[in-house]
Protein backbone atom coordinates (compact mmCIF):
# COMPACT_ATOMS: atom_id res chain seq x y z
CA UNK A 1 14.19 14.32 10.62
CA UNK A 2 11.85 14.24 7.63
CA UNK A 3 8.25 13.07 7.78
CA UNK A 4 7.94 9.38 6.92
CA UNK A 5 4.89 8.86 4.67
CA UNK A 6 4.81 5.05 4.81
CA UNK A 7 3.21 3.07 7.63
CA UNK A 8 2.50 -0.59 8.34
CA UNK A 9 -1.14 -0.78 9.40
CA UNK A 10 -2.08 -3.88 11.44
CA UNK A 11 -5.70 -4.97 11.65
CA UNK A 12 -6.65 -5.60 15.30
CA UNK A 13 -9.22 -8.22 14.24
CA UNK A 14 -7.30 -10.54 11.90
CA UNK A 15 -3.66 -9.39 12.16
CA UNK A 16 -3.38 -8.51 8.46
CA UNK A 17 -0.47 -6.09 7.92
CA UNK A 18 -0.66 -3.62 5.04
CA UNK A 19 2.06 -1.19 4.05
CA UNK A 20 0.35 2.04 3.02
CA UNK A 21 1.34 5.53 1.96
CA UNK A 22 -0.35 8.00 4.28
CA UNK A 23 -1.89 11.25 3.06
CA UNK A 24 0.57 14.03 3.86
CA UNK A 25 -1.96 16.78 4.50
CA UNK A 26 -4.90 15.00 6.14
CA UNK A 27 -5.90 12.26 8.55
CA UNK A 28 -7.49 9.00 7.38
CA UNK A 29 -10.53 8.32 9.56
CA UNK A 30 -11.53 4.94 8.09
CA UNK A 31 -9.76 2.03 6.42
CA UNK A 32 -11.21 -1.28 5.27
CA UNK A 33 -8.93 -4.21 6.03
CA UNK A 34 -7.92 -6.20 2.97
CA UNK A 35 -7.88 -9.39 5.05
CA UNK A 36 -11.18 -9.54 6.93
CA UNK A 37 -12.94 -6.49 5.43
CA UNK A 38 -13.41 -4.90 8.89
CA UNK A 39 -13.82 -1.14 8.88
CA UNK A 40 -11.07 0.28 11.07
CA UNK A 41 -11.74 3.51 12.97
CA UNK A 42 -9.37 5.47 15.20
CA UNK A 43 -9.29 4.85 18.95
CA UNK A 44 -10.85 7.64 21.04
CA UNK A 45 -8.33 10.47 21.25
CA UNK A 46 -6.44 9.45 18.07
CA UNK A 47 -6.88 11.52 14.92
CA UNK A 48 -6.70 8.66 12.41
CA UNK A 49 -6.30 4.93 11.80
CA UNK A 50 -2.52 5.28 11.37
CA UNK A 51 -2.18 6.77 14.85
CA UNK A 52 -4.22 3.86 16.25
CA UNK A 53 -3.02 0.86 14.20
CA UNK A 54 0.10 1.97 12.30
CA UNK A 55 3.75 1.57 13.17
CA UNK A 56 4.14 5.36 12.97
CA UNK A 57 1.72 8.28 13.35
CA UNK A 58 0.28 10.18 10.41
CA UNK A 59 2.32 12.99 8.80
CA UNK A 60 0.37 15.85 10.47
CA UNK A 61 1.15 14.34 13.91
CA UNK A 62 4.76 13.61 12.90
CA UNK A 63 5.15 17.29 12.00
CA UNK A 64 3.48 18.37 15.23
CA UNK A 65 5.94 16.21 17.19
CA UNK A 66 8.90 17.54 15.22
CA UNK A 67 9.18 14.45 12.96
CA UNK A 68 11.07 12.54 15.66
C-alpha cells in the first residue's frame, strides 16, 4: 500500500479538526491549532504531531511500518 500523505489532525484542547498534507521526508514537531491557537507538540515517544493527534501516522512512520 502506498504512503498516504493526508491526515486529519484533531486539537486535544478545542477539538478543531484540520486536514493537512504531511511532509513526506520529515516529521512535524509543532503545529499551531487554527481554532484555539494552542501549540501542539508530540506525546512522549511519538516522533511528530501527526503520530500523536492525526488519524494516520506521518509518512516516515508509514514507510517504516510497511505503509499498512
